[in-house]
Amino acid sequence: MTSQPGNRRRRSIRLLGYDYTQPGAYFVTICAHERQHLFGEVVDGQMRLSSAGRVVDWYWRRLPQHFPHVRLGAHMVMPNHAHVILWIVDAVGATHSPTISGQMVNAVPTDGPDQTQRVLGNASPLLANSEKTVNVVPTDGPDQTQRVLGNASSPLRPNGPAPGSVGAIIGNFKSVTTRRINKMNHTPGDPVWQRNFYERIVRNERALHAIRQYIADNPARWHLDRYNAAAESQDPLAVSIMDMLRAGES
């Protein structure tokens, strides 16, 4: 939902000087390569995931298994992008609640199906029936997932994002899902994701609540979505959220 230059120049869009390994909530948007509708379609206000979309959803849900300092908030895979709330907690294995600006919050959904259903509605029922995931996700158990995702704590290249940072987590996720989708589609080397991603630091519960609602309602508001080339107009909810987040960064 952030403003993007028309020529898609390769530049940093992170907040200058901010430590993206520190605990907190981050609102992240990841776009498909050239905004292609790779991940499904919106039908009657509901998101219907393609095979590639199910891969994205499946791996995202399992991210905390490989990054123990990560907790997941609301997320939604859309036709050409995904919106997620990503939490970084204080330390690997921490058991206390995440915080925003030092204030403890009760804002991270549990991993149970009821909470996921409340967040996603009927937009992504792929996990309810294993037949829907045939040839989409690994079937060899956790060891297979570990082989694909690799070691979350492994060092990155010297010029890359800091280990355990938002950039490292999203980079790993994009790499893993790209390989899996290309293997499934027999399209080795094809780009799946746009090179960068967009994030905003969530600094208060008012913003957190608004973002969660926006994510949950995203399929129903697809006709207003800035990532939809056929959008009728600008989404006022998206504008108000971005104004709120920018105000918190000033």
C-alpha atoms as a PDB file:
ATOM      1  CA  MET A   1       0.000   0.000   0.000  1.00  0.00           C
ATOM      2  CA  THR A   2       3.007   2.276   0.005  1.00  0.00           C
ATOM      3  CA  SER A   3       3.777   4.684  -2.783  1.00  0.00           C
ATOM      4  CA  GLN A   4       6.073   3.156  -5.374  1.00  0.00           C
ATOM      5  CA  PRO A   5       8.095   4.878  -8.100  1.00  0.00           C
ATOM      6  CA  GLY A   6       6.943   4.159 -11.612  1.00  0.00           C
ATOM      7  CA  ASN A   7      10.359   3.071 -12.811  1.00  0.00           C
ATOM      8  CA  ARG A   8      10.788   0.532  -9.952  1.00  0.00           C
ATOM      9  CA  ARG A   9      14.321   1.715  -9.155  1.00  0.00           C
ATOM     10  CA  ARG A  10      16.405  -0.617  -6.997  1.00  0.00           C
ATOM     11  CA  ARG A  11      16.715   1.297  -3.757  1.00  0.00           C
ATOM     12  CA  SER A  12      16.276   0.658  -0.061  1.00  0.00           C
ATOM     13  CA  ILE A  13      12.753   1.272   1.204  1.00  0.00           C
ATOM     14  CA  ARG A  14      13.535   0.476   4.829  1.00  0.00           C
ATOM     15  CA  LEU A  15      13.399   3.163   7.515  1.00  0.00           C
ATOM     16  CA  LEU A  16      16.898   4.645   7.694  1.00  0.00           C
ATOM     17  CA  GLY A  17      18.758   3.691  10.863  1.00  0.00           C
ATOM     18  CA  TYR A  18      16.058   1.375  12.189  1.00  0.00           C
ATOM     19  CA  ASP A  19      17.083  -2.009  13.613  1.00  0.00           C
ATOM     20  CA  TYR A  20      14.761  -4.533  11.984  1.00  0.00           C
ATOM     21  CA  THR A  21      15.848  -7.301  14.355  1.00  0.00           C
ATOM     22  CA  GLN A  22      14.287  -5.608  17.365  1.00  0.00           C
ATOM     23  CA  PRO A  23      11.019  -6.875  18.849  1.00  0.00           C
ATOM     24  CA  GLY A  24       7.806  -5.476  17.498  1.00  0.00           C
ATOM     25  CA  ALA A  25       5.066  -5.835  14.913  1.00  0.00           C
ATOM     26  CA  TYR A  26       5.677  -5.228  11.209  1.00  0.00           C
ATOM     27  CA  PHE A  27       3.066  -4.852   8.478  1.00  0.00           C
ATOM     28  CA  VAL A  28       4.603  -6.388   5.359  1.00  0.00           C
ATOM     29  CA  THR A  29       3.394  -6.515   1.764  1.00  0.00           C
ATOM     30  CA  ILE A  30       5.113  -8.800  -0.760  1.00  0.00           C
ATOM     31  CA  CYS A  31       4.200  -8.444  -4.449  1.00  0.00           C
ATOM     32  CA  ALA A  32       4.283 -10.997  -7.225  1.00  0.00           C
ATOM     33  CA  HIS A  33       6.719 -10.432 -10.088  1.00  0.00           C
ATOM     34  CA  GLU A  34       5.327  -7.716 -12.361  1.00  0.00           C
ATOM     35  CA  ARG A  35       2.090  -7.864 -10.349  1.00  0.00           C
ATOM     36  CA  GLN A  36       1.050 -11.028 -12.156  1.00  0.00           C
ATOM     37  CA  HIS A  37      -2.011 -12.807 -10.783  1.00  0.00           C
ATOM     38  CA  LEU A  38      -0.095 -15.920  -9.774  1.00  0.00           C
ATOM     39  CA  PHE A  39      -1.774 -16.765  -6.499  1.00  0.00           C
ATOM     40  CA  GLY A  40      -5.455 -17.072  -7.384  1.00  0.00           C
ATOM     41  CA  GLU A  41      -8.489 -14.881  -7.942  1.00  0.00           C
ATOM     42  CA  VAL A  42     -11.157 -13.041  -5.996  1.00  0.00           C
ATOM     43  CA  VAL A  43     -14.652 -14.402  -6.614  1.00  0.00           C
ATOM     44  CA  ASP A  44     -17.666 -12.822  -4.925  1.00  0.00           C
ATOM     45  CA  GLY A  45     -15.461 -11.113  -2.382  1.00  0.00           C
ATOM     46  CA  GLN A  46     -13.622 -14.306  -1.424  1.00  0.00           C
ATOM     47  CA  MET A  47     -10.060 -15.302  -2.268  1.00  0.00           C
ATOM     48  CA  ARG A  48      -9.677 -18.569  -4.181  1.00  0.00           C
ATOM     49  CA  LEU A  49      -6.073 -19.685  -4.066  1.00  0.00           C
ATOM     50  CA  SER A  50      -4.270 -21.235  -7.009  1.00  0.00           C
ATOM     51  CA  SER A  51      -1.691 -23.969  -6.462  1.00  0.00           C
ATOM     52  CA  ALA A  52       0.991 -21.294  -6.175  1.00  0.00           C
ATOM     53  CA  GLY A  53      -1.158 -19.380  -3.700  1.00  0.00           C
ATOM     54  CA  ARG A  54      -1.544 -22.492  -1.567  1.00  0.00           C
ATOM     55  CA  VAL A  55       2.233 -22.901  -1.503  1.00  0.00           C
ATOM     56  CA  VAL A  56       2.607 -19.314  -0.284  1.00  0.00           C
ATOM     57  CA  ASP A  57      -0.055 -19.790   2.388  1.00  0.00           C
ATOM     58  CA  TRP A  58       1.316 -23.159   3.536  1.00  0.00           C
ATOM     59  CA  TYR A  59       4.886 -21.991   3.990  1.00  0.00           C
ATOM     60  CA  TRP A  60       3.891 -18.744   5.678  1.00  0.00           C
ATOM     61  CA  ARG A  61       1.896 -20.590   8.338  1.00  0.00           C
ATOM     62  CA  ARG A  62       4.948 -22.689   9.145  1.00  0.00           C
ATOM     63  CA  LEU A  63       7.445 -19.846   9.388  1.00  0.00           C
ATOM     64  CA  PRO A  64       7.711 -19.934  13.227  1.00  0.00           C
ATOM     65  CA  GLN A  65       8.889 -23.555  13.036  1.00  0.00           C
ATOM     66  CA  HIS A  66      12.081 -22.292  11.417  1.00  0.00           C
ATOM     67  CA  PHE A  67      12.374 -18.835  12.965  1.00  0.00           C
ATOM     68  CA  PRO A  68      11.616 -19.424  16.670  1.00  0.00           C
ATOM     69  CA  HIS A  69      11.702 -15.695  17.441  1.00  0.00           C
ATOM     70  CA  VAL A  70       8.821 -15.071  15.013  1.00  0.00           C
ATOM     71  CA  ARG A  71       5.095 -15.011  15.717  1.00  0.00           C
ATOM     72  CA  LEU A  72       2.445 -14.585  13.044  1.00  0.00           C
ATOM     73  CA  GLY A  73      -0.448 -12.171  13.026  1.00  0.00           C
ATOM     74  CA  ALA A  74      -3.158 -11.830  10.394  1.00  0.00           C
ATOM     75  CA  HIS A  75      -2.221 -12.631   6.819  1.00  0.00           C
ATOM     76  CA  MET A  76      -3.921 -12.798   3.442  1.00  0.00           C
ATOM     77  CA  VAL A  77      -2.673 -14.101   0.103  1.00  0.00           C
ATOM     78  CA  MET A  78      -4.209 -12.056  -2.703  1.00  0.00           C
ATOM     79  CA  PRO A  79      -4.042 -12.613  -6.503  1.00  0.00           C
ATOM     80  CA  ASN A  80      -0.761 -10.719  -6.944  1.00  0.00           C
ATOM     81  CA  HIS A  81       0.478  -9.928  -3.435  1.00  0.00           C
ATOM     82  CA  ALA A  82       0.343 -10.982   0.192  1.00  0.00           C
ATOM     83  CA  HIS A  83      -0.284  -8.868   3.286  1.00  0.00           C
ATOM     84  CA  VAL A  84       1.086 -10.139   6.597  1.00  0.00           C
ATOM     85  CA  ILE A  85       1.653  -8.985  10.150  1.00  0.00           C
ATOM     86  CA  LEU A  86       4.982 -10.332  11.334  1.00  0.00           C
ATOM     87  CA  TRP A  87       5.990 -10.230  14.999  1.00  0.00           C
ATOM     88  CA  ILE A  88       9.551 -10.452  16.267  1.00  0.00           C
ATOM     89  CA  VAL A  89       9.719 -11.365  19.956  1.00  0.00           C
ATOM     90  CA  ASP A  90      12.559 -10.615  22.345  1.00  0.00           C
ATOM     91  CA  ALA A  91      14.542 -13.819  21.963  1.00  0.00           C
ATOM     92  CA  VAL A  92      14.450 -17.305  20.540  1.00  0.00           C
ATOM     93  CA  GLY A  93      12.125 -19.348  22.698  1.00  0.00           C
ATOM     94  CA  ALA A  94      10.584 -16.345  24.464  1.00  0.00           C
ATOM     95  CA  THR A  95       7.226 -17.215  25.971  1.00  0.00           C
ATOM     96  CA  HIS A  96       5.896 -13.791  26.971  1.00  0.00           C
ATOM     97  CA  SER A  97       3.496 -11.769  24.854  1.00  0.00           C
ATOM     98  CA  PRO A  98       4.853  -9.509  22.097  1.00  0.00           C
ATOM     99  CA  THR A  99       4.927  -5.794  22.713  1.00  0.00           C
ATOM    100  CA  ILE A 100       4.360  -2.586  20.789  1.00  0.00           C
ATOM    101  CA  SER A 101       6.456   0.322  22.042  1.00  0.00           C
ATOM    102  CA  GLY A 102       7.090  -1.530  25.280  1.00  0.00           C
ATOM    103  CA  GLN A 103       3.400  -2.200  25.981  1.00  0.00           C
ATOM    104  CA  MET A 104       2.309  -5.828  26.199  1.00  0.00           C
ATOM    105  CA  VAL A 105      -0.496  -6.696  23.810  1.00  0.00           C
ATOM    106  CA  ASN A 106      -2.738  -9.663  23.240  1.00  0.00           C
ATOM    107  CA  ALA A 107      -2.661  -9.450  19.492  1.00  0.00           C
ATOM    108  CA  VAL A 108      -1.038 -12.537  18.007  1.00  0.00           C
ATOM    109  CA  PRO A 109      -3.416 -15.232  16.740  1.00  0.00           C
ATOM    110  CA  THR A 110      -2.833 -18.729  18.020  1.00  0.00           C
ATOM    111  CA  ASP A 111      -1.999 -21.459  15.542  1.00  0.00           C
ATOM    112  CA  GLY A 112      -5.367 -23.137  16.003  1.00  0.00           C
ATOM    113  CA  PRO A 113      -7.875 -23.449  13.155  1.00  0.00           C
ATOM    114  CA  ASP A 114     -10.560 -21.409  14.926  1.00  0.00           C
ATOM    115  CA  GLN A 115      -8.387 -18.316  15.174  1.00  0.00           C
ATOM    116  CA  THR A 116      -7.167 -18.698  11.607  1.00  0.00           C
ATOM    117  CA  GLN A 117     -10.753 -18.981  10.437  1.00  0.00           C
ATOM    118  CA  ARG A 118     -11.699 -15.789  12.285  1.00  0.00           C
ATOM    119  CA  VAL A 119      -8.847 -13.909  10.640  1.00  0.00           C
ATOM    120  CA  LEU A 120      -9.200 -15.314   7.137  1.00  0.00           C
ATOM    121  CA  GLY A 121     -12.889 -16.132   6.973  1.00  0.00           C
ATOM    122  CA  ASN A 122     -13.500 -18.616   4.149  1.00  0.00           C
ATOM    123  CA  ALA A 123     -10.826 -17.110   1.953  1.00  0.00           C
ATOM    124  CA  SER A 124      -8.247 -19.823   2.434  1.00  0.00           C
ATOM    125  CA  PRO A 125      -9.707 -23.179   3.496  1.00  0.00           C
ATOM    126  CA  LEU A 126      -6.866 -25.158   1.948  1.00  0.00           C
ATOM    127  CA  LEU A 127      -5.672 -26.734   5.180  1.00  0.00           C
ATOM    128  CA  ALA A 128      -9.054 -28.233   6.017  1.00  0.00           C
ATOM    129  CA  ASN A 129      -8.825 -30.893   3.313  1.00  0.00           C
ATOM    130  CA  SER A 130      -5.499 -32.544   2.564  1.00  0.00           C
ATOM    131  CA  GLU A 131      -6.698 -33.513  -0.914  1.00  0.00           C
ATOM    132  CA  LYS A 132      -6.492 -29.849  -1.891  1.00  0.00           C
ATOM    133  CA  THR A 133      -2.758 -29.777  -1.232  1.00  0.00           C
ATOM    134  CA  VAL A 134      -1.691 -32.738  -3.347  1.00  0.00           C
ATOM    135  CA  ASN A 135       1.500 -31.889  -5.273  1.00  0.00           C
ATOM    136  CA  VAL A 136       1.508 -28.440  -3.691  1.00  0.00           C
ATOM    137  CA  VAL A 137       3.287 -28.861  -0.367  1.00  0.00           C
ATOM    138  CA  PRO A 138       5.901 -31.342   0.854  1.00  0.00           C
ATOM    139  CA  THR A 139       4.495 -34.625   2.127  1.00  0.00           C
ATOM    140  CA  ASP A 140       7.653 -35.941   3.744  1.00  0.00           C
ATOM    141  CA  GLY A 141       7.003 -34.406   7.171  1.00  0.00           C
ATOM    142  CA  PRO A 142       8.991 -31.780   9.073  1.00  0.00           C
ATOM    143  CA  ASP A 143      12.360 -33.021   7.877  1.00  0.00           C
ATOM    144  CA  GLN A 144      11.404 -32.223   4.306  1.00  0.00           C
ATOM    145  CA  THR A 145      10.279 -28.751   5.295  1.00  0.00           C
ATOM    146  CA  GLN A 146      13.547 -28.213   7.133  1.00  0.00           C
ATOM    147  CA  ARG A 147      15.526 -29.263   4.074  1.00  0.00           C
ATOM    148  CA  VAL A 148      13.631 -26.753   1.964  1.00  0.00           C
ATOM    149  CA  LEU A 149      13.687 -23.856   4.422  1.00  0.00           C
ATOM    150  CA  GLY A 150      17.187 -24.494   5.660  1.00  0.00           C
ATOM    151  CA  ASN A 151      18.562 -23.288   8.966  1.00  0.00           C
ATOM    152  CA  ALA A 152      16.926 -20.048  10.051  1.00  0.00           C
ATOM    153  CA  SER A 153      19.963 -19.059  12.090  1.00  0.00           C
ATOM    154  CA  SER A 154      22.510 -19.640   9.342  1.00  0.00           C
ATOM    155  CA  PRO A 155      24.645 -16.577   8.493  1.00  0.00           C
ATOM    156  CA  LEU A 156      23.746 -14.468   5.483  1.00  0.00           C
ATOM    157  CA  ARG A 157      26.092 -12.833   3.013  1.00  0.00           C
ATOM    158  CA  PRO A 158      28.035  -9.887   4.506  1.00  0.00           C
ATOM    159  CA  ASN A 159      26.069  -7.281   2.548  1.00  0.00           C
ATOM    160  CA  GLY A 160      22.688  -8.881   3.165  1.00  0.00           C
ATOM    161  CA  PRO A 161      20.130  -8.255   5.913  1.00  0.00           C
ATOM    162  CA  ALA A 162      21.060  -9.048   9.502  1.00  0.00           C
ATOM    163  CA  PRO A 163      20.286 -12.624  10.590  1.00  0.00           C
ATOM    164  CA  GLY A 164      16.865 -12.798  12.193  1.00  0.00           C
ATOM    165  CA  SER A 165      15.769  -9.430  10.804  1.00  0.00           C
ATOM    166  CA  VAL A 166      12.550  -8.781   8.912  1.00  0.00           C
ATOM    167  CA  GLY A 167      14.555  -8.631   5.678  1.00  0.00           C
ATOM    168  CA  ALA A 168      16.241 -11.974   6.341  1.00  0.00           C
ATOM    169  CA  ILE A 169      12.935 -13.655   7.205  1.00  0.00           C
ATOM    170  CA  ILE A 170      11.099 -12.341   4.151  1.00  0.00           C
ATOM    171  CA  GLY A 171      14.075 -13.084   1.896  1.00  0.00           C
ATOM    172  CA  ASN A 172      14.161 -16.680   3.095  1.00  0.00           C
ATOM    173  CA  PHE A 173      10.407 -17.040   2.622  1.00  0.00           C
ATOM    174  CA  LYS A 174      10.504 -15.655  -0.910  1.00  0.00           C
ATOM    175  CA  SER A 175      13.413 -17.893  -1.873  1.00  0.00           C
ATOM    176  CA  VAL A 176      11.754 -21.027  -0.506  1.00  0.00           C
ATOM    177  CA  THR A 177       8.370 -20.398  -2.100  1.00  0.00           C
ATOM    178  CA  THR A 178       9.958 -19.481  -5.434  1.00  0.00           C
ATOM    179  CA  ARG A 179      11.835 -22.778  -5.567  1.00  0.00           C
ATOM    180  CA  ARG A 180       8.782 -24.780  -4.564  1.00  0.00           C
ATOM    181  CA  ILE A 181       6.438 -23.068  -7.032  1.00  0.00           C
ATOM    182  CA  ASN A 182       8.926 -23.425  -9.891  1.00  0.00           C
ATOM    183  CA  LYS A 183       9.465 -27.082  -9.076  1.00  0.00           C
ATOM    184  CA  MET A 184       5.710 -27.658  -9.051  1.00  0.00           C
ATOM    185  CA  ASN A 185       5.209 -25.789 -12.342  1.00  0.00           C
ATOM    186  CA  HIS A 186       8.368 -27.139 -14.044  1.00  0.00           C
ATOM    187  CA  THR A 187       9.559 -23.562 -14.577  1.00  0.00           C
ATOM    188  CA  PRO A 188      13.080 -23.488 -13.129  1.00  0.00           C
ATOM    189  CA  GLY A 189      14.482 -20.009 -12.662  1.00  0.00           C
ATOM    190  CA  ASP A 190      11.257 -18.110 -13.295  1.00  0.00           C
ATOM    191  CA  PRO A 191      10.784 -15.114 -10.973  1.00  0.00           C
ATOM    192  CA  VAL A 192       7.810 -15.344  -8.635  1.00  0.00           C
ATOM    193  CA  TRP A 193       8.255 -12.291  -6.417  1.00  0.00           C
ATOM    194  CA  GLN A 194       9.160  -8.682  -6.989  1.00  0.00           C
ATOM    195  CA  ARG A 195      12.690  -8.069  -5.754  1.00  0.00           C
ATOM    196  CA  ASN A 196      11.899  -5.939  -2.703  1.00  0.00           C
ATOM    197  CA  PHE A 197       9.036  -5.778  -0.224  1.00  0.00           C
ATOM    198  CA  TYR A 198       7.136  -3.069   1.603  1.00  0.00           C
ATOM    199  CA  GLU A 199       6.847  -2.762   5.356  1.00  0.00           C
ATOM    200  CA  ARG A 200       5.638  -0.429   8.044  1.00  0.00           C
ATOM    201  CA  ILE A 201       6.424  -0.606  11.746  1.00  0.00           C
ATOM    202  CA  VAL A 202       3.241  -0.979  13.805  1.00  0.00           C
ATOM    203  CA  ARG A 203       3.680   1.325  16.793  1.00  0.00           C
ATOM    204  CA  ASN A 204       0.327   1.231  18.600  1.00  0.00           C
ATOM    205  CA  GLU A 205      -2.753  -0.914  19.082  1.00  0.00           C
ATOM    206  CA  ARG A 206      -5.000   1.442  17.133  1.00  0.00           C
ATOM    207  CA  ALA A 207      -2.889   0.916  14.020  1.00  0.00           C
ATOM    208  CA  LEU A 208      -2.640  -2.811  14.710  1.00  0.00           C
ATOM    209  CA  HIS A 209      -6.417  -3.175  14.903  1.00  0.00           C
ATOM    210  CA  ALA A 210      -6.930  -1.201  11.681  1.00  0.00           C
ATOM    211  CA  ILE A 211      -4.344  -3.259   9.788  1.00  0.00           C
ATOM    212  CA  ARG A 212      -5.806  -6.550  10.969  1.00  0.00           C
ATOM    213  CA  GLN A 213      -9.242  -5.452   9.812  1.00  0.00           C
ATOM    214  CA  TYR A 214      -7.851  -4.302   6.463  1.00  0.00           C
ATOM    215  CA  ILE A 215      -6.121  -7.641   5.905  1.00  0.00           C
ATOM    216  CA  ALA A 216      -9.233  -9.639   6.796  1.00  0.00           C
ATOM    217  CA  ASP A 217     -11.403  -7.501   4.499  1.00  0.00           C
ATOM    218  CA  ASN A 218      -8.905  -7.346   1.627  1.00  0.00           C
ATOM    219  CA  PRO A 219     -10.719  -9.776  -0.716  1.00  0.00           C
ATOM    220  CA  ALA A 220     -14.035  -7.975  -0.211  1.00  0.00           C
ATOM    221  CA  ARG A 221     -12.307  -4.666  -1.014  1.00  0.00           C
ATOM    222  CA  TRP A 222     -10.396  -5.962  -4.045  1.00  0.00           C
ATOM    223  CA  HIS A 223     -12.338  -3.583  -6.305  1.00  0.00           C
ATOM    224  CA  LEU A 224     -10.581  -0.739  -4.446  1.00  0.00           C
ATOM    225  CA  ASP A 225      -7.165  -2.354  -4.047  1.00  0.00           C
ATOM    226  CA  ARG A 226      -4.226  -0.349  -5.390  1.00  0.00           C
ATOM    227  CA  TYR A 227      -2.641  -3.624  -6.560  1.00  0.00           C
ATOM    228  CA  ASN A 228      -5.684  -4.305  -8.741  1.00  0.00           C
ATOM    229  CA  ALA A 229      -5.191  -2.729 -12.170  1.00  0.00           C
ATOM    230  CA  ALA A 230      -8.977  -2.578 -12.557  1.00  0.00           C
ATOM    231  CA  ALA A 231      -9.595  -0.851  -9.219  1.00  0.00           C
ATOM    232  CA  GLU A 232     -12.511   1.568  -9.307  1.00  0.00           C
ATOM    233  CA  SER A 233     -10.957   4.155  -7.001  1.00  0.00           C
ATOM    234  CA  GLN A 234      -8.520   4.565  -4.127  1.00  0.00           C
ATOM    235  CA  ASP A 235      -9.419   2.645  -0.972  1.00  0.00           C
ATOM    236  CA  PRO A 236     -10.101   5.183   1.808  1.00  0.00           C
ATOM    237  CA  LEU A 237      -9.315   2.586   4.479  1.00  0.00           C
ATOM    238  CA  ALA A 238      -5.869   1.966   2.996  1.00  0.00           C
ATOM    239  CA  VAL A 239      -5.220   5.711   2.849  1.00  0.00           C
ATOM    240  CA  SER A 240      -6.207   6.215   6.485  1.00  0.00           C
ATOM    241  CA  ILE A 241      -3.993   3.336   7.638  1.00  0.00           C
ATOM    242  CA  MET A 242      -0.974   4.655   5.773  1.00  0.00           C
ATOM    243  CA  ASP A 243      -1.534   8.135   7.198  1.00  0.00           C
ATOM    244  CA  MET A 244      -1.682   6.608  10.667  1.00  0.00           C
ATOM    245  CA  LEU A 245       1.537   4.639  10.161  1.00  0.00           C
ATOM    246  CA  ARG A 246       3.417   7.588   8.663  1.00  0.00           C
ATOM    247  CA  ALA A 247       2.388   9.750  11.612  1.00  0.00           C
ATOM    248  CA  GLY A 248       3.940   7.189  13.947  1.00  0.00           C
ATOM    249  CA  GLU A 249       7.269   7.388  12.088  1.00  0.00           C
ATOM    250  CA  SER A 250       7.540  11.176  12.176  1.00  0.00           C
END
